[in-house]
Amino acid sequence: MATKDPREPFTRLSIEEAKEKLDSGDAVMVDVRDPHEYVEVHAKGVRLIPVNTVMTELDQIREFAGDKKEVLFICKMGGRSALAAEYATAAGLEGLELFNVEGGTDAWAEAGFPTGD
């Protein structure tokens, strides 16, 4: 179940909740892992923006989001994606609701959810 800690600028989601948001068309997902991890396996339809570049790639995140209002950050297990949401907020990303996908790509792939381009 989605949880919001008032001390965090994002809401934590399970992989199932993330998939529902993506399937409904309400959100986009950004993979913040390193490129070599991304090529091994990634959730279908994600955009790669490594965590260390999030603060300088806000325009790319906004462009990718388009008319969507929600951005889901995903990494391997959930740590770097939480950091990415913090970075995006600190850098001034506004107007989008941010989410951290708990369990990350490992859990996504293990659940059999779509991977690849």
N, C-alpha and C. Protein backbone atom coordinates (compact mmCIF):
# COMPACT_ATOMS: atom_id res chain seq x y z
N MET A 1 0.84 -1.19 0.00
CA MET A 1 0.00 0.00 0.00
C MET A 1 0.88 1.25 0.00
N ALA A 2 0.53 2.20 -0.82
CA ALA A 2 1.31 3.44 -0.92
C ALA A 2 1.40 4.11 0.44
N THR A 3 2.60 4.57 0.78
CA THR A 3 2.80 5.26 2.05
C THR A 3 3.53 6.57 1.82
N LYS A 4 3.09 7.59 2.54
CA LYS A 4 3.68 8.92 2.44
C LYS A 4 4.19 9.34 3.80
N ASP A 5 5.50 9.51 3.89
CA ASP A 5 6.14 10.03 5.09
C ASP A 5 6.23 11.54 4.90
N PRO A 6 5.69 12.34 5.84
CA PRO A 6 5.71 13.79 5.65
C PRO A 6 7.12 14.39 5.55
N ARG A 7 8.12 13.63 5.95
CA ARG A 7 9.50 14.11 5.86
C ARG A 7 10.12 13.84 4.50
N GLU A 8 9.42 13.11 3.63
CA GLU A 8 9.93 12.78 2.31
C GLU A 8 9.10 13.46 1.22
N PRO A 9 9.76 13.90 0.14
CA PRO A 9 9.02 14.57 -0.95
C PRO A 9 8.42 13.60 -1.95
N PHE A 10 8.24 12.35 -1.56
CA PHE A 10 7.71 11.34 -2.45
C PHE A 10 6.86 10.35 -1.66
N THR A 11 6.11 9.55 -2.40
CA THR A 11 5.29 8.48 -1.82
C THR A 11 5.93 7.16 -2.20
N ARG A 12 5.95 6.24 -1.27
CA ARG A 12 6.51 4.91 -1.54
C ARG A 12 5.40 4.01 -2.10
N LEU A 13 5.73 3.26 -3.17
CA LEU A 13 4.77 2.38 -3.84
C LEU A 13 5.35 0.97 -3.93
N SER A 14 4.47 0.01 -3.93
CA SER A 14 4.88 -1.36 -4.24
C SER A 14 5.01 -1.48 -5.75
N ILE A 15 5.64 -2.56 -6.21
CA ILE A 15 5.74 -2.76 -7.66
C ILE A 15 4.36 -2.95 -8.28
N GLU A 16 3.46 -3.58 -7.54
CA GLU A 16 2.09 -3.79 -8.05
C GLU A 16 1.37 -2.45 -8.24
N GLU A 17 1.53 -1.55 -7.26
CA GLU A 17 0.91 -0.23 -7.37
C GLU A 17 1.53 0.56 -8.52
N ALA A 18 2.85 0.43 -8.69
CA ALA A 18 3.53 1.11 -9.79
C ALA A 18 2.99 0.62 -11.13
N LYS A 19 2.86 -0.68 -11.27
CA LYS A 19 2.35 -1.25 -12.52
C LYS A 19 0.93 -0.75 -12.81
N GLU A 20 0.10 -0.66 -11.78
CA GLU A 20 -1.27 -0.14 -11.96
C GLU A 20 -1.24 1.29 -12.47
N LYS A 21 -0.38 2.12 -11.89
CA LYS A 21 -0.29 3.52 -12.34
C LYS A 21 0.17 3.59 -13.79
N LEU A 22 1.16 2.79 -14.14
CA LEU A 22 1.65 2.79 -15.52
C LEU A 22 0.58 2.28 -16.48
N ASP A 23 -0.10 1.21 -16.11
CA ASP A 23 -1.14 0.63 -16.95
C ASP A 23 -2.30 1.59 -17.16
N SER A 24 -2.59 2.42 -16.16
CA SER A 24 -3.69 3.37 -16.27
C SER A 24 -3.34 4.57 -17.13
N GLY A 25 -2.04 4.73 -17.41
CA GLY A 25 -1.60 5.87 -18.22
C GLY A 25 -1.40 7.15 -17.45
N ASP A 26 -1.45 7.06 -16.12
CA ASP A 26 -1.32 8.26 -15.29
C ASP A 26 0.12 8.64 -14.98
N ALA A 27 1.08 7.76 -15.27
CA ALA A 27 2.43 7.98 -14.80
C ALA A 27 3.47 7.51 -15.82
N VAL A 28 4.70 7.97 -15.61
CA VAL A 28 5.87 7.47 -16.33
C VAL A 28 6.86 6.99 -15.28
N MET A 29 7.79 6.13 -15.71
CA MET A 29 8.77 5.60 -14.76
C MET A 29 10.18 5.88 -15.26
N VAL A 30 11.01 6.36 -14.33
CA VAL A 30 12.40 6.70 -14.62
C VAL A 30 13.29 5.72 -13.86
N ASP A 31 14.17 5.05 -14.60
CA ASP A 31 15.15 4.12 -14.02
C ASP A 31 16.40 4.92 -13.71
N VAL A 32 16.83 4.91 -12.45
CA VAL A 32 17.97 5.73 -12.04
C VAL A 32 19.24 4.92 -11.79
N ARG A 33 19.27 3.69 -12.27
CA ARG A 33 20.47 2.86 -12.11
C ARG A 33 21.54 3.27 -13.12
N ASP A 34 22.68 2.65 -13.02
CA ASP A 34 23.76 2.89 -13.97
C ASP A 34 23.43 2.20 -15.30
N PRO A 35 23.97 2.73 -16.40
CA PRO A 35 23.67 2.14 -17.71
C PRO A 35 23.95 0.64 -17.82
N HIS A 36 25.03 0.16 -17.21
CA HIS A 36 25.34 -1.27 -17.32
C HIS A 36 24.29 -2.13 -16.62
N GLU A 37 23.66 -1.61 -15.58
CA GLU A 37 22.58 -2.33 -14.91
C GLU A 37 21.32 -2.33 -15.78
N TYR A 38 21.05 -1.18 -16.37
CA TYR A 38 19.88 -1.00 -17.23
C TYR A 38 19.88 -1.97 -18.40
N VAL A 39 21.04 -2.17 -19.04
CA VAL A 39 21.07 -3.06 -20.20
C VAL A 39 20.84 -4.52 -19.82
N GLU A 40 21.13 -4.88 -18.57
CA GLU A 40 20.89 -6.26 -18.13
C GLU A 40 19.40 -6.56 -18.08
N VAL A 41 18.63 -5.69 -17.43
CA VAL A 41 17.17 -5.82 -17.35
C VAL A 41 16.60 -4.48 -16.88
N HIS A 42 15.47 -4.12 -17.46
CA HIS A 42 14.76 -2.92 -17.03
C HIS A 42 13.27 -3.09 -17.32
N ALA A 43 12.48 -2.37 -16.55
CA ALA A 43 11.03 -2.40 -16.75
C ALA A 43 10.71 -1.80 -18.11
N LYS A 44 9.73 -2.37 -18.76
CA LYS A 44 9.33 -1.90 -20.09
C LYS A 44 8.83 -0.46 -20.02
N GLY A 45 9.33 0.36 -20.96
CA GLY A 45 8.84 1.73 -21.09
C GLY A 45 9.51 2.75 -20.19
N VAL A 46 10.51 2.36 -19.40
CA VAL A 46 11.17 3.32 -18.53
C VAL A 46 12.16 4.17 -19.33
N ARG A 47 12.53 5.29 -18.77
CA ARG A 47 13.58 6.15 -19.33
C ARG A 47 14.76 6.08 -18.37
N LEU A 48 15.95 5.87 -18.89
CA LEU A 48 17.15 5.82 -18.07
C LEU A 48 17.68 7.22 -17.82
N ILE A 49 17.73 7.60 -16.56
CA ILE A 49 18.36 8.84 -16.12
C ILE A 49 19.10 8.49 -14.82
N PRO A 50 20.38 8.16 -14.91
CA PRO A 50 21.11 7.73 -13.71
C PRO A 50 21.00 8.74 -12.56
N VAL A 51 20.97 8.21 -11.35
CA VAL A 51 20.74 9.03 -10.16
C VAL A 51 21.70 10.22 -10.08
N ASN A 52 22.95 10.02 -10.49
CA ASN A 52 23.92 11.12 -10.39
C ASN A 52 23.69 12.23 -11.41
N THR A 53 22.72 12.05 -12.32
CA THR A 53 22.42 13.08 -13.31
C THR A 53 21.02 13.69 -13.13
N VAL A 54 20.27 13.21 -12.17
CA VAL A 54 18.88 13.66 -12.00
C VAL A 54 18.80 15.17 -11.83
N MET A 55 19.67 15.74 -11.02
CA MET A 55 19.58 17.18 -10.74
C MET A 55 19.82 18.03 -11.98
N THR A 56 20.54 17.51 -12.95
CA THR A 56 20.82 18.27 -14.16
C THR A 56 19.92 17.89 -15.33
N GLU A 57 19.06 16.92 -15.12
CA GLU A 57 18.20 16.42 -16.20
C GLU A 57 16.71 16.67 -15.94
N LEU A 58 16.38 17.71 -15.19
CA LEU A 58 14.97 17.99 -14.88
C LEU A 58 14.15 18.22 -16.14
N ASP A 59 14.73 18.89 -17.14
CA ASP A 59 13.99 19.12 -18.38
C ASP A 59 13.67 17.79 -19.07
N GLN A 60 14.61 16.85 -19.04
CA GLN A 60 14.37 15.54 -19.65
C GLN A 60 13.25 14.80 -18.90
N ILE A 61 13.24 14.93 -17.57
CA ILE A 61 12.17 14.29 -16.78
C ILE A 61 10.83 14.91 -17.12
N ARG A 62 10.78 16.25 -17.18
CA ARG A 62 9.52 16.94 -17.52
C ARG A 62 9.05 16.55 -18.93
N GLU A 63 9.99 16.51 -19.88
CA GLU A 63 9.64 16.15 -21.26
C GLU A 63 9.11 14.72 -21.33
N PHE A 64 9.76 13.80 -20.63
CA PHE A 64 9.33 12.41 -20.61
C PHE A 64 7.94 12.29 -19.98
N ALA A 65 7.69 13.07 -18.93
CA ALA A 65 6.38 13.03 -18.25
C ALA A 65 5.28 13.56 -19.16
N GLY A 66 5.60 14.51 -20.00
CA GLY A 66 4.59 15.06 -20.91
C GLY A 66 3.40 15.60 -20.14
N ASP A 67 2.21 15.11 -20.46
CA ASP A 67 1.00 15.57 -19.78
C ASP A 67 0.68 14.73 -18.54
N LYS A 68 1.52 13.77 -18.24
CA LYS A 68 1.32 12.95 -17.03
C LYS A 68 1.69 13.79 -15.81
N LYS A 69 1.12 13.47 -14.69
CA LYS A 69 1.37 14.24 -13.47
C LYS A 69 2.17 13.47 -12.43
N GLU A 70 2.52 12.21 -12.75
CA GLU A 70 3.21 11.38 -11.78
C GLU A 70 4.47 10.78 -12.38
N VAL A 71 5.56 10.84 -11.61
CA VAL A 71 6.83 10.25 -12.02
C VAL A 71 7.22 9.22 -10.98
N LEU A 72 7.43 7.99 -11.45
CA LEU A 72 7.84 6.90 -10.58
C LEU A 72 9.34 6.70 -10.79
N PHE A 73 10.11 6.71 -9.71
CA PHE A 73 11.54 6.44 -9.78
C PHE A 73 11.77 5.00 -9.35
N ILE A 74 12.59 4.28 -10.12
CA ILE A 74 12.90 2.89 -9.82
C ILE A 74 14.42 2.67 -9.96
N CYS A 75 14.95 1.82 -9.10
CA CYS A 75 16.36 1.44 -9.18
C CYS A 75 16.44 -0.07 -9.00
N LYS A 76 17.50 -0.56 -8.42
CA LYS A 76 17.63 -2.00 -8.23
C LYS A 76 16.70 -2.50 -7.13
N MET A 77 16.70 -1.80 -5.97
CA MET A 77 15.89 -2.26 -4.84
C MET A 77 15.05 -1.16 -4.18
N GLY A 78 15.36 0.10 -4.40
CA GLY A 78 14.57 1.19 -3.84
C GLY A 78 15.35 2.29 -3.14
N GLY A 79 16.64 2.11 -2.94
CA GLY A 79 17.46 3.12 -2.26
C GLY A 79 17.82 4.31 -3.14
N ARG A 80 18.40 4.03 -4.30
CA ARG A 80 18.80 5.12 -5.19
C ARG A 80 17.60 5.87 -5.75
N SER A 81 16.50 5.17 -5.95
CA SER A 81 15.31 5.85 -6.48
C SER A 81 14.75 6.83 -5.45
N ALA A 82 14.83 6.50 -4.17
CA ALA A 82 14.41 7.45 -3.13
C ALA A 82 15.31 8.67 -3.16
N LEU A 83 16.61 8.45 -3.31
CA LEU A 83 17.57 9.54 -3.40
C LEU A 83 17.29 10.40 -4.63
N ALA A 84 16.96 9.76 -5.74
CA ALA A 84 16.65 10.50 -6.98
C ALA A 84 15.46 11.42 -6.78
N ALA A 85 14.43 10.96 -6.09
CA ALA A 85 13.27 11.81 -5.82
C ALA A 85 13.66 12.99 -4.93
N GLU A 86 14.52 12.74 -3.97
CA GLU A 86 15.04 13.82 -3.11
C GLU A 86 15.81 14.83 -3.96
N TYR A 87 16.69 14.34 -4.83
CA TYR A 87 17.48 15.22 -5.70
C TYR A 87 16.58 16.04 -6.61
N ALA A 88 15.58 15.40 -7.21
CA ALA A 88 14.69 16.11 -8.12
C ALA A 88 13.96 17.24 -7.40
N THR A 89 13.52 16.96 -6.20
CA THR A 89 12.84 17.99 -5.41
C THR A 89 13.81 19.12 -5.05
N ALA A 90 15.00 18.77 -4.60
CA ALA A 90 16.00 19.78 -4.22
C ALA A 90 16.39 20.65 -5.40
N ALA A 91 16.39 20.08 -6.60
CA ALA A 91 16.77 20.82 -7.80
C ALA A 91 15.63 21.68 -8.35
N GLY A 92 14.43 21.53 -7.78
CA GLY A 92 13.32 22.38 -8.18
C GLY A 92 12.28 21.76 -9.07
N LEU A 93 12.24 20.44 -9.17
CA LEU A 93 11.19 19.80 -9.98
C LEU A 93 9.86 20.00 -9.27
N GLU A 94 8.96 20.71 -9.95
CA GLU A 94 7.65 21.01 -9.37
C GLU A 94 6.54 20.62 -10.33
N GLY A 95 5.35 20.48 -9.81
CA GLY A 95 4.19 20.21 -10.64
C GLY A 95 3.98 18.74 -10.95
N LEU A 96 4.84 17.89 -10.44
CA LEU A 96 4.72 16.46 -10.66
C LEU A 96 4.74 15.75 -9.31
N GLU A 97 3.89 14.76 -9.16
CA GLU A 97 3.91 13.96 -7.95
C GLU A 97 4.97 12.87 -8.12
N LEU A 98 5.83 12.73 -7.13
CA LEU A 98 6.94 11.80 -7.21
C LEU A 98 6.71 10.56 -6.37
N PHE A 99 7.15 9.41 -6.90
CA PHE A 99 6.98 8.14 -6.21
C PHE A 99 8.28 7.35 -6.25
N ASN A 100 8.50 6.56 -5.22
CA ASN A 100 9.62 5.63 -5.16
C ASN A 100 9.07 4.22 -5.22
N VAL A 101 9.56 3.43 -6.16
CA VAL A 101 9.08 2.06 -6.32
C VAL A 101 9.91 1.15 -5.40
N GLU A 102 9.30 0.70 -4.33
CA GLU A 102 9.95 -0.17 -3.35
C GLU A 102 10.17 -1.55 -3.95
N GLY A 103 11.32 -2.12 -3.69
CA GLY A 103 11.64 -3.43 -4.24
C GLY A 103 12.39 -3.33 -5.55
N GLY A 104 12.16 -2.24 -6.28
CA GLY A 104 12.91 -1.94 -7.49
C GLY A 104 12.77 -2.92 -8.63
N THR A 105 13.74 -2.82 -9.54
CA THR A 105 13.73 -3.63 -10.75
C THR A 105 13.86 -5.11 -10.43
N ASP A 106 14.59 -5.44 -9.37
CA ASP A 106 14.72 -6.85 -9.00
C ASP A 106 13.34 -7.46 -8.74
N ALA A 107 12.55 -6.78 -7.92
CA ALA A 107 11.21 -7.28 -7.60
C ALA A 107 10.30 -7.24 -8.83
N TRP A 108 10.44 -6.20 -9.65
CA TRP A 108 9.65 -6.07 -10.88
C TRP A 108 9.85 -7.28 -11.79
N ALA A 109 11.12 -7.61 -12.03
CA ALA A 109 11.44 -8.75 -12.91
C ALA A 109 11.01 -10.07 -12.28
N GLU A 110 11.23 -10.23 -10.98
CA GLU A 110 10.85 -11.45 -10.29
C GLU A 110 9.35 -11.69 -10.35
N ALA A 111 8.57 -10.60 -10.36
CA ALA A 111 7.11 -10.71 -10.43
C ALA A 111 6.63 -11.07 -11.83
N GLY A 112 7.55 -11.04 -12.79
CA GLY A 112 7.16 -11.35 -14.17
C GLY A 112 6.53 -10.18 -14.91
N PHE A 113 6.70 -8.97 -14.39
CA PHE A 113 6.16 -7.79 -15.06
C PHE A 113 6.98 -7.51 -16.32
N PRO A 114 6.42 -6.78 -17.30
CA PRO A 114 7.09 -6.57 -18.57
C PRO A 114 8.46 -5.89 -18.44
N THR A 115 9.43 -6.44 -19.16
CA THR A 115 10.76 -5.86 -19.20
C THR A 115 11.15 -5.63 -20.65
N GLY A 116 12.23 -4.90 -20.84
CA GLY A 116 12.70 -4.61 -22.19
C GLY A 116 12.19 -3.27 -22.67
N ASP A 117 12.39 -3.00 -23.96
CA ASP A 117 12.00 -1.70 -24.48
C ASP A 117 10.51 -1.64 -24.55
